[in-house]
N, C-alpha and C. Protein backbone atom coordinates (compact mmCIF):
# COMPACT_ATOMS: atom_id res chain seq x y z
N MET A 1 -3.31 1.61 5.37
CA MET A 1 -2.98 0.28 5.88
C MET A 1 -1.46 0.21 6.05
N SER A 2 -1.03 -0.23 7.19
CA SER A 2 0.41 -0.30 7.43
C SER A 2 1.03 -1.48 6.68
N ALA A 3 2.27 -1.30 6.33
CA ALA A 3 3.01 -2.33 5.59
C ALA A 3 3.33 -3.51 6.50
N VAL A 4 3.45 -4.66 5.90
CA VAL A 4 3.86 -5.87 6.61
C VAL A 4 5.25 -6.22 6.11
N GLU A 5 6.16 -6.50 7.04
CA GLU A 5 7.54 -6.77 6.67
C GLU A 5 7.64 -7.88 5.62
N GLY A 6 8.37 -7.58 4.54
CA GLY A 6 8.61 -8.56 3.49
C GLY A 6 7.56 -8.59 2.39
N TRP A 7 6.45 -7.90 2.59
CA TRP A 7 5.35 -7.91 1.63
C TRP A 7 5.31 -6.59 0.87
N ASP A 8 4.93 -6.67 -0.40
CA ASP A 8 4.77 -5.48 -1.23
C ASP A 8 3.29 -5.28 -1.52
N GLU A 9 2.89 -4.03 -1.70
CA GLU A 9 1.54 -3.75 -2.15
C GLU A 9 1.59 -3.54 -3.66
N VAL A 10 0.89 -4.40 -4.39
CA VAL A 10 0.85 -4.36 -5.84
C VAL A 10 -0.61 -4.45 -6.27
N ASN A 11 -1.10 -3.44 -6.96
CA ASN A 11 -2.48 -3.44 -7.46
C ASN A 11 -3.49 -3.75 -6.35
N HIS A 12 -3.34 -3.10 -5.22
CA HIS A 12 -4.26 -3.23 -4.08
C HIS A 12 -4.26 -4.64 -3.48
N ARG A 13 -3.11 -5.32 -3.58
CA ARG A 13 -2.94 -6.65 -3.00
C ARG A 13 -1.63 -6.67 -2.24
N LEU A 14 -1.55 -7.54 -1.22
CA LEU A 14 -0.27 -7.85 -0.59
C LEU A 14 0.33 -9.01 -1.36
N VAL A 15 1.60 -8.88 -1.73
CA VAL A 15 2.26 -9.89 -2.55
C VAL A 15 3.65 -10.17 -1.97
N ARG A 16 3.98 -11.46 -1.95
CA ARG A 16 5.32 -11.85 -1.53
C ARG A 16 5.76 -13.07 -2.33
N THR A 17 7.02 -13.05 -2.77
CA THR A 17 7.62 -14.16 -3.49
C THR A 17 8.69 -14.78 -2.61
N TYR A 18 8.70 -16.10 -2.56
CA TYR A 18 9.66 -16.85 -1.75
C TYR A 18 10.52 -17.70 -2.67
N ALA A 19 11.78 -17.89 -2.29
CA ALA A 19 12.70 -18.76 -3.04
C ALA A 19 13.02 -19.99 -2.19
N PHE A 20 13.09 -21.14 -2.85
CA PHE A 20 13.40 -22.41 -2.19
C PHE A 20 14.44 -23.16 -3.00
N ASN A 21 15.00 -24.19 -2.40
CA ASN A 21 16.02 -24.97 -3.08
C ASN A 21 15.46 -25.92 -4.13
N ASP A 22 14.19 -26.27 -4.00
CA ASP A 22 13.61 -27.23 -4.94
C ASP A 22 12.08 -27.20 -4.87
N PHE A 23 11.47 -28.03 -5.66
CA PHE A 23 10.01 -28.12 -5.73
C PHE A 23 9.43 -28.62 -4.41
N LYS A 24 10.06 -29.60 -3.81
CA LYS A 24 9.55 -30.20 -2.58
C LYS A 24 9.46 -29.17 -1.45
N GLN A 25 10.47 -28.33 -1.30
CA GLN A 25 10.44 -27.29 -0.27
C GLN A 25 9.35 -26.27 -0.54
N ALA A 26 9.20 -25.88 -1.80
CA ALA A 26 8.16 -24.92 -2.16
C ALA A 26 6.78 -25.48 -1.86
N LYS A 27 6.56 -26.74 -2.21
CA LYS A 27 5.26 -27.37 -1.96
C LYS A 27 4.99 -27.51 -0.47
N ALA A 28 5.98 -27.88 0.31
CA ALA A 28 5.80 -28.01 1.76
C ALA A 28 5.40 -26.66 2.37
N PHE A 29 6.02 -25.60 1.89
CA PHE A 29 5.69 -24.27 2.39
C PHE A 29 4.26 -23.90 2.01
N ILE A 30 3.89 -24.13 0.77
CA ILE A 30 2.52 -23.83 0.32
C ILE A 30 1.51 -24.65 1.10
N ASP A 31 1.81 -25.91 1.37
CA ASP A 31 0.91 -26.74 2.18
C ASP A 31 0.72 -26.13 3.57
N ALA A 32 1.80 -25.67 4.18
CA ALA A 32 1.72 -25.06 5.51
C ALA A 32 0.94 -23.74 5.46
N VAL A 33 1.18 -22.95 4.44
CA VAL A 33 0.44 -21.69 4.27
C VAL A 33 -1.04 -21.98 4.08
N SER A 34 -1.36 -23.02 3.33
CA SER A 34 -2.77 -23.38 3.11
C SER A 34 -3.47 -23.67 4.43
N ALA A 35 -2.79 -24.34 5.34
CA ALA A 35 -3.37 -24.65 6.64
C ALA A 35 -3.64 -23.37 7.44
N VAL A 36 -2.72 -22.41 7.39
CA VAL A 36 -2.92 -21.14 8.07
C VAL A 36 -4.12 -20.40 7.47
N CYS A 37 -4.21 -20.38 6.16
CA CYS A 37 -5.34 -19.74 5.48
C CYS A 37 -6.66 -20.38 5.91
N GLU A 38 -6.68 -21.68 5.97
CA GLU A 38 -7.89 -22.40 6.36
C GLU A 38 -8.26 -22.08 7.80
N GLN A 39 -7.28 -22.03 8.69
CA GLN A 39 -7.54 -21.68 10.10
C GLN A 39 -8.17 -20.30 10.22
N GLN A 40 -7.70 -19.38 9.41
CA GLN A 40 -8.21 -18.00 9.47
C GLN A 40 -9.44 -17.77 8.60
N GLN A 41 -9.81 -18.78 7.81
CA GLN A 41 -10.93 -18.63 6.88
C GLN A 41 -10.75 -17.40 5.98
N HIS A 42 -9.50 -17.22 5.55
CA HIS A 42 -9.16 -16.13 4.63
C HIS A 42 -8.15 -16.72 3.66
N HIS A 43 -8.54 -16.90 2.43
CA HIS A 43 -7.78 -17.73 1.51
C HIS A 43 -7.02 -16.89 0.49
N ALA A 44 -5.71 -16.95 0.61
CA ALA A 44 -4.81 -16.23 -0.30
C ALA A 44 -4.75 -16.96 -1.64
N GLU A 45 -4.27 -16.27 -2.64
CA GLU A 45 -4.00 -16.88 -3.94
C GLU A 45 -2.57 -17.39 -3.89
N LEU A 46 -2.40 -18.68 -4.10
CA LEU A 46 -1.11 -19.34 -3.96
C LEU A 46 -0.67 -19.93 -5.29
N SER A 47 0.59 -19.73 -5.64
CA SER A 47 1.15 -20.40 -6.81
C SER A 47 2.59 -20.79 -6.47
N PHE A 48 3.03 -21.88 -7.08
CA PHE A 48 4.39 -22.33 -6.80
C PHE A 48 4.88 -23.21 -7.92
N GLY A 49 6.18 -23.42 -7.93
CA GLY A 49 6.83 -24.28 -8.90
C GLY A 49 8.21 -24.65 -8.36
N TRP A 50 9.06 -25.09 -9.24
CA TRP A 50 10.39 -25.50 -8.81
C TRP A 50 11.14 -24.30 -8.24
N GLY A 51 11.35 -24.31 -6.93
CA GLY A 51 12.18 -23.30 -6.28
C GLY A 51 11.51 -21.98 -5.96
N TYR A 52 10.19 -21.87 -6.11
CA TYR A 52 9.55 -20.59 -5.78
C TYR A 52 8.11 -20.79 -5.33
N ALA A 53 7.63 -19.80 -4.60
CA ALA A 53 6.21 -19.72 -4.24
C ALA A 53 5.83 -18.24 -4.24
N VAL A 54 4.62 -17.96 -4.70
CA VAL A 54 4.11 -16.60 -4.71
C VAL A 54 2.77 -16.60 -3.97
N ILE A 55 2.62 -15.65 -3.06
CA ILE A 55 1.38 -15.50 -2.31
C ILE A 55 0.84 -14.10 -2.58
N GLU A 56 -0.44 -14.04 -2.94
CA GLU A 56 -1.13 -12.77 -3.14
C GLU A 56 -2.40 -12.80 -2.33
N MET A 57 -2.72 -11.67 -1.71
CA MET A 57 -3.97 -11.63 -0.96
C MET A 57 -4.57 -10.24 -0.95
N TYR A 58 -5.88 -10.25 -0.91
CA TYR A 58 -6.66 -9.04 -0.68
C TYR A 58 -8.06 -9.51 -0.28
N SER A 59 -8.82 -8.60 0.29
CA SER A 59 -10.17 -8.94 0.70
C SER A 59 -11.12 -8.65 -0.47
N HIS A 60 -11.59 -9.72 -1.09
CA HIS A 60 -12.42 -9.60 -2.29
C HIS A 60 -13.66 -8.73 -2.01
N ASP A 61 -14.26 -8.95 -0.86
CA ASP A 61 -15.49 -8.22 -0.54
C ASP A 61 -15.27 -6.73 -0.32
N GLU A 62 -14.03 -6.35 -0.01
CA GLU A 62 -13.71 -4.94 0.21
C GLU A 62 -12.97 -4.32 -0.99
N GLY A 63 -12.54 -5.17 -1.92
CA GLY A 63 -11.85 -4.68 -3.11
C GLY A 63 -10.44 -4.17 -2.86
N GLY A 64 -9.81 -4.66 -1.80
CA GLY A 64 -8.45 -4.23 -1.50
C GLY A 64 -7.94 -4.85 -0.22
N ILE A 65 -6.88 -4.29 0.28
CA ILE A 65 -6.21 -4.80 1.48
C ILE A 65 -6.96 -4.32 2.72
N THR A 66 -7.23 -5.26 3.62
CA THR A 66 -7.86 -4.94 4.90
C THR A 66 -7.02 -5.51 6.04
N GLN A 67 -7.49 -5.30 7.24
CA GLN A 67 -6.80 -5.82 8.42
C GLN A 67 -6.70 -7.34 8.36
N ARG A 68 -7.69 -8.02 7.78
CA ARG A 68 -7.62 -9.48 7.64
C ARG A 68 -6.39 -9.90 6.86
N ASP A 69 -6.05 -9.15 5.83
CA ASP A 69 -4.87 -9.46 5.01
C ASP A 69 -3.59 -9.23 5.80
N VAL A 70 -3.55 -8.17 6.57
CA VAL A 70 -2.38 -7.87 7.39
C VAL A 70 -2.18 -8.98 8.43
N VAL A 71 -3.26 -9.42 9.05
CA VAL A 71 -3.18 -10.49 10.05
C VAL A 71 -2.68 -11.78 9.41
N LEU A 72 -3.21 -12.12 8.22
CA LEU A 72 -2.77 -13.33 7.54
C LEU A 72 -1.31 -13.23 7.10
N ALA A 73 -0.92 -12.10 6.55
CA ALA A 73 0.48 -11.94 6.13
C ALA A 73 1.42 -12.06 7.33
N THR A 74 1.03 -11.51 8.46
CA THR A 74 1.85 -11.61 9.67
C THR A 74 1.94 -13.06 10.13
N ALA A 75 0.83 -13.80 10.06
CA ALA A 75 0.84 -15.22 10.43
C ALA A 75 1.74 -16.02 9.49
N ILE A 76 1.75 -15.68 8.21
CA ILE A 76 2.62 -16.37 7.25
C ILE A 76 4.08 -16.04 7.55
N ASN A 77 4.36 -14.79 7.91
CA ASN A 77 5.72 -14.43 8.33
C ASN A 77 6.15 -15.26 9.54
N ASP A 78 5.24 -15.43 10.50
CA ASP A 78 5.55 -16.22 11.70
C ASP A 78 5.79 -17.69 11.31
N LEU A 79 5.00 -18.18 10.38
CA LEU A 79 5.16 -19.55 9.90
C LEU A 79 6.54 -19.73 9.26
N GLU A 80 6.91 -18.80 8.40
CA GLU A 80 8.21 -18.86 7.74
C GLU A 80 9.34 -18.90 8.77
N ALA A 81 9.22 -18.08 9.80
CA ALA A 81 10.26 -18.01 10.83
C ALA A 81 10.37 -19.32 11.61
N SER A 82 9.27 -20.07 11.69
CA SER A 82 9.28 -21.31 12.47
C SER A 82 9.71 -22.54 11.67
N MET A 83 9.84 -22.38 10.36
CA MET A 83 10.19 -23.53 9.51
C MET A 83 11.69 -23.69 9.40
């Protein structure tokens, strides 16, 4: 599986950590990511707090990273670039 810019492969998952200036920015980003996940019907594991957000994804049914994960990570990268 090819790498996606900005994402790391950790324990058969794509993982990316984001930094923000405050809780409100982190939550707004997570809300936007949630909408992208819902559109794609592929739901990443999302966590956030004051000044950070962490996104992890893998295809549960395949037990690892698949093309669906790469497509979602790329869409999240595009989302980040547009914000």
